[in-house]
C-alpha atoms as a PDB file:
ATOM      1  CA  MET A   1      82.168 148.299-244.962  1.00  0.00           C
ATOM      2  CA  ARG A   2      83.081 145.795-242.642  1.00  0.00           C
ATOM      3  CA  ALA A   3      84.570 142.884-243.649  1.00  0.00           C
ATOM      4  CA  ARG A   4      83.072 139.750-241.978  1.00  0.00           C
ATOM      5  CA  PHE A   5      85.655 136.695-241.864  1.00  0.00           C
ATOM      6  CA  ARG A   6      83.728 133.329-242.206  1.00  0.00           C
ATOM      7  CA  ARG A   7      84.642 130.266-240.379  1.00  0.00           C
ATOM      8  CA  SER A   8      85.537 127.193-242.309  1.00  0.00           C
ATOM      9  CA  GLN A   9      83.107 124.355-241.600  1.00  0.00           C
ATOM     10  CA  GLU A  10      85.654 122.061-242.723  1.00  0.00           C
ATOM     11  CA  PRO A  11      87.500 119.538-240.299  1.00  0.00           C
ATOM     12  CA  THR A  12      91.328 120.545-239.205  1.00  0.00           C
ATOM     13  CA  ASP A  13      93.220 117.874-240.152  1.00  0.00           C
ATOM     14  CA  ILE A  14      95.894 117.561-237.320  1.00  0.00           C
ATOM     15  CA  ARG A  15      98.562 114.913-237.923  1.00  0.00           C
ATOM     16  CA  LEU A  16     100.942 113.864-235.586  1.00  0.00           C
ATOM     17  CA  ASN A  17     104.741 112.917-236.582  1.00  0.00           C
ATOM     18  CA  LEU A  18     105.651 109.996-234.475  1.00  0.00           C
ATOM     19  CA  THR A  19     108.711 109.240-236.563  1.00  0.00           C
ATOM     20  CA  ALA A  20     110.760 110.649-233.820  1.00  0.00           C
ATOM     21  CA  LEU A  21     109.096 108.877-230.824  1.00  0.00           C
ATOM     22  CA  VAL A  22     109.426 105.285-232.355  1.00  0.00           C
ATOM     23  CA  ASP A  23     113.156 105.984-233.053  1.00  0.00           C
ATOM     24  CA  ALA A  24     113.943 106.842-229.386  1.00  0.00           C
ATOM     25  CA  THR A  25     111.762 104.171-228.657  1.00  0.00           C
ATOM     26  CA  VAL A  26     113.680 101.119-230.704  1.00  0.00           C
ATOM     27  CA  LEU A  27     116.577 102.948-229.421  1.00  0.00           C
ATOM     28  CA  LEU A  28     115.883 102.418-225.725  1.00  0.00           C
ATOM     29  CA  LEU A  29     114.553  99.067-226.098  1.00  0.00           C
ATOM     30  CA  THR A  30     117.906  98.163-228.095  1.00  0.00           C
ATOM     31  CA  PHE A  31     120.087  99.636-225.131  1.00  0.00           C
ATOM     32  CA  PHE A  32     118.343  98.016-222.561  1.00  0.00           C
ATOM     33  CA  MET A  33     118.495  94.567-224.398  1.00  0.00           C
ATOM     34  CA  MET A  34     122.135  94.797-225.036  1.00  0.00           C
ATOM     35  CA  VAL A  35     122.780  95.778-221.420  1.00  0.00           C
ATOM     36  CA  ASN A  36     120.651  93.188-220.060  1.00  0.00           C
ATOM     37  CA  SER A  37     122.242  90.246-221.994  1.00  0.00           C
ATOM     38  CA  PHE A  38     126.241  91.728-220.760  1.00  0.00           C
ATOM     39  CA  ALA A  39     124.951  91.557-217.483  1.00  0.00           C
ATOM     40  CA  SER A  40     123.422  88.036-217.443  1.00  0.00           C
ATOM     41  CA  ALA A  41     126.560  86.677-219.436  1.00  0.00           C
ATOM     42  CA  GLU A  42     128.271  87.510-216.045  1.00  0.00           C
ATOM     43  CA  ARG A  43     126.077  85.386-213.881  1.00  0.00           C
ATOM     44  CA  VAL A  44     126.295  81.666-214.979  1.00  0.00           C
ATOM     45  CA  GLU A  45     123.836  79.188-213.240  1.00  0.00           C
ATOM     46  CA  MET A  46     125.571  77.239-210.555  1.00  0.00           C
ATOM     47  CA  GLU A  47     125.236  76.199-207.087  1.00  0.00           C
ATOM     48  CA  VAL A  48     127.561  78.352-205.001  1.00  0.00           C
ATOM     49  CA  PRO A  49     128.522  77.426-201.381  1.00  0.00           C
ATOM     50  CA  ARG A  50     126.079  78.033-198.539  1.00  0.00           C
ATOM     51  CA  PRO A  51     128.038  78.863-195.275  1.00  0.00           C
ATOM     52  CA  ASP A  52     126.395  78.306-192.071  1.00  0.00           C
ATOM     53  CA  ALA A  53     126.390  81.164-189.752  1.00  0.00           C
ATOM     54  CA  SER A  54     128.303  83.613-191.897  1.00  0.00           C
ATOM     55  CA  LEU A  55     128.930  87.080-190.801  1.00  0.00           C
ATOM     56  CA  ALA A  56     129.752  88.130-194.165  1.00  0.00           C
ATOM     57  CA  ARG A  57     128.279  91.002-195.572  1.00  0.00           C
ATOM     58  CA  ASP A  58     126.182  91.982-199.118  1.00  0.00           C
ATOM     59  CA  ARG A  59     129.008  94.892-200.520  1.00  0.00           C
ATOM     60  CA  ARG A  60     128.477  96.457-203.594  1.00  0.00           C
ATOM     61  CA  VAL A  61     131.631  96.680-205.514  1.00  0.00           C
ATOM     62  CA  PRO A  62     132.189  99.689-208.166  1.00  0.00           C
ATOM     63  CA  GLU A  63     132.973  98.014-211.720  1.00  0.00           C
ATOM     64  CA  PRO A  64     134.052  94.414-210.652  1.00  0.00           C
ATOM     65  CA  VAL A  65     135.498  92.048-212.864  1.00  0.00           C
ATOM     66  CA  VAL A  66     133.607  88.631-212.384  1.00  0.00           C
ATOM     67  CA  VAL A  67     135.383  85.298-212.645  1.00  0.00           C
ATOM     68  CA  ASN A  68     133.005  82.047-212.683  1.00  0.00           C
ATOM     69  CA  VAL A  69     134.708  79.013-211.964  1.00  0.00           C
ATOM     70  CA  LEU A  70     132.712  76.270-214.094  1.00  0.00           C
ATOM     71  CA  TYR A  71     131.749  72.417-213.178  1.00  0.00           C
ATOM     72  CA  ARG A  72     132.330  70.228-216.284  1.00  0.00           C
ATOM     73  CA  GLY A  73     132.051  66.865-214.380  1.00  0.00           C
ATOM     74  CA  PRO A  74     133.691  64.821-212.247  1.00  0.00           C
ATOM     75  CA  ASP A  75     136.788  63.925-214.413  1.00  0.00           C
ATOM     76  CA  GLU A  76     136.910  67.365-216.096  1.00  0.00           C
ATOM     77  CA  PRO A  77     139.226  69.783-215.685  1.00  0.00           C
ATOM     78  CA  PRO A  78     136.677  73.000-214.769  1.00  0.00           C
ATOM     79  CA  GLY A  79     136.085  75.914-216.980  1.00  0.00           C
ATOM     80  CA  TYR A  80     136.426  79.537-216.581  1.00  0.00           C
ATOM     81  CA  GLN A  81     134.640  82.601-217.498  1.00  0.00           C
ATOM     82  CA  LEU A  82     135.909  86.054-217.308  1.00  0.00           C
ATOM     83  CA  GLY A  83     132.851  88.327-217.803  1.00  0.00           C
ATOM     84  CA  PRO A  84     130.848  86.987-220.429  1.00  0.00           C
ATOM     85  CA  LEU A  85     133.939  85.514-221.947  1.00  0.00           C
ATOM     86  CA  GLN A  86     134.649  81.471-222.083  1.00  0.00           C
ATOM     87  CA  ILE A  87     138.271  80.279-221.359  1.00  0.00           C
ATOM     88  CA  ASP A  88     139.406  76.806-221.187  1.00  0.00           C
ATOM     89  CA  LEU A  89     142.837  77.156-220.054  1.00  0.00           C
ATOM     90  CA  LEU A  90     143.897  78.862-216.729  1.00  0.00           C
ATOM     91  CA  SER A  91     146.856  80.385-218.245  1.00  0.00           C
ATOM     92  CA  GLU A  92     144.461  81.913-220.345  1.00  0.00           C
ATOM     93  CA  LEU A  93     143.034  83.382-217.838  1.00  0.00           C
ATOM     94  CA  ALA A  94     146.174  84.727-216.192  1.00  0.00           C
ATOM     95  CA  GLU A  95     147.023  86.436-219.442  1.00  0.00           C
ATOM     96  CA  ARG A  96     143.598  88.194-219.767  1.00  0.00           C
ATOM     97  CA  LEU A  97     143.383  89.167-215.875  1.00  0.00           C
ATOM     98  CA  ALA A  98     146.986  90.471-216.704  1.00  0.00           C
ATOM     99  CA  ALA A  99     145.886  92.722-219.744  1.00  0.00           C
ATOM    100  CA  THR A 100     142.508  93.809-217.472  1.00  0.00           C
ATOM    101  CA  ARG A 101     144.992  94.684-214.545  1.00  0.00           C
ATOM    102  CA  ARG A 102     147.306  97.093-216.481  1.00  0.00           C
ATOM    103  CA  HIS A 103     144.385  99.004-217.803  1.00  0.00           C
ATOM    104  CA  THR A 104     142.345  98.848-214.133  1.00  0.00           C
ATOM    105  CA  PRO A 105     145.318  98.803-211.406  1.00  0.00           C
ATOM    106  CA  GLN A 106     142.688  98.907-208.723  1.00  0.00           C
ATOM    107  CA  LEU A 107     141.005  95.859-210.202  1.00  0.00           C
ATOM    108  CA  GLU A 108     138.415  94.133-207.685  1.00  0.00           C
ATOM    109  CA  VAL A 109     137.497  90.304-208.690  1.00  0.00           C
ATOM    110  CA  ILE A 110     134.214  88.574-207.589  1.00  0.00           C
ATOM    111  CA  LEU A 111     134.997  84.720-207.623  1.00  0.00           C
ATOM    112  CA  ARG A 112     132.033  82.569-208.309  1.00  0.00           C
ATOM    113  CA  ALA A 113     132.681  78.880-208.102  1.00  0.00           C
ATOM    114  CA  ASP A 114     130.242  75.964-208.378  1.00  0.00           C
ATOM    115  CA  ARG A 115     130.108  73.860-204.854  1.00  0.00           C
ATOM    116  CA  ARG A 116     130.484  71.024-206.933  1.00  0.00           C
ATOM    117  CA  LEU A 117     134.366  71.907-207.902  1.00  0.00           C
ATOM    118  CA  ARG A 118     137.299  70.472-205.356  1.00  0.00           C
ATOM    119  CA  TYR A 119     138.823  73.224-202.955  1.00  0.00           C
ATOM    120  CA  GLU A 120     142.048  72.789-205.137  1.00  0.00           C
ATOM    121  CA  GLU A 121     140.834  73.950-208.438  1.00  0.00           C
ATOM    122  CA  VAL A 122     138.984  76.818-206.867  1.00  0.00           C
ATOM    123  CA  ARG A 123     142.586  77.682-204.667  1.00  0.00           C
ATOM    124  CA  GLU A 124     144.511  77.822-208.409  1.00  0.00           C
ATOM    125  CA  VAL A 125     142.242  80.429-209.335  1.00  0.00           C
ATOM    126  CA  MET A 126     142.900  82.284-205.866  1.00  0.00           C
ATOM    127  CA  GLU A 127     146.625  82.017-206.157  1.00  0.00           C
ATOM    128  CA  LEU A 128     146.742  83.028-209.980  1.00  0.00           C
ATOM    129  CA  LEU A 129     144.758  85.906-208.670  1.00  0.00           C
ATOM    130  CA  GLY A 130     147.320  86.578-206.000  1.00  0.00           C
ATOM    131  CA  ASP A 131     150.426  85.872-208.745  1.00  0.00           C
ATOM    132  CA  GLU A 132     148.898  88.666-210.604  1.00  0.00           C
ATOM    133  CA  GLY A 133     148.921  91.543-208.024  1.00  0.00           C
ATOM    134  CA  ILE A 134     144.972  91.481-207.169  1.00  0.00           C
ATOM    135  CA  SER A 135     144.282  92.212-203.797  1.00  0.00           C
ATOM    136  CA  ARG A 136     140.943  93.133-203.930  1.00  0.00           C
ATOM    137  CA  LEU A 137     138.796  89.403-204.363  1.00  0.00           C
ATOM    138  CA  HIS A 138     135.355  88.938-203.237  1.00  0.00           C
ATOM    139  CA  ILE A 139     133.754  85.450-202.822  1.00  0.00           C
ATOM    140  CA  VAL A 140     130.573  84.220-203.445  1.00  0.00           C
ATOM    141  CA  ALA A 141     128.444  82.297-201.277  1.00  0.00           C
ATOM    142  CA  GLU A 142     124.587  82.089-201.035  1.00  0.00           C
ATOM    143  CA  VAL A 143     123.530  82.452-197.222  1.00  0.00           C
ATOM    144  CA  GLU A 144     120.237  81.673-196.528  1.00  0.00           C
ATOM    145  CA  SER A 145     118.039  85.007-195.540  1.00  0.00           C
ATOM    146  CA  ASN A 146     116.349  85.256-191.768  1.00  0.00           C
ATOM    147  CA  PRO A 147     112.541  86.135-192.046  1.00  0.00           C
END
């Protein structure tokens, strides 16, 4: 006797478990949102100087510290921002830079200053960086691109 196998005519129920895919998507989305907010917090909207006939080259700095000198008004002292952290006093900026330099001895600083500031206000920050032993300083300026 031969056994006959009969195929079932009922449709097969196939289900995909998408829970892991949804979890991974949410984690990636959260990661990119956090990284984007940190990166955009360091770049404050301001008018940086536009030098004429500049020979400066655009150089990428590995893990820099960004210091922004902010214009608050004609009769107001400038504000400061170290990365995403808002700082009101120059002495507090000095303390934070000293702590950062202890952690990273070869610290490189990118200095961004609003062009409406007086040079003396920006020079104070540059002198502060020198007093803290930070010798690697990059100053940001906006350069017109040639077509």
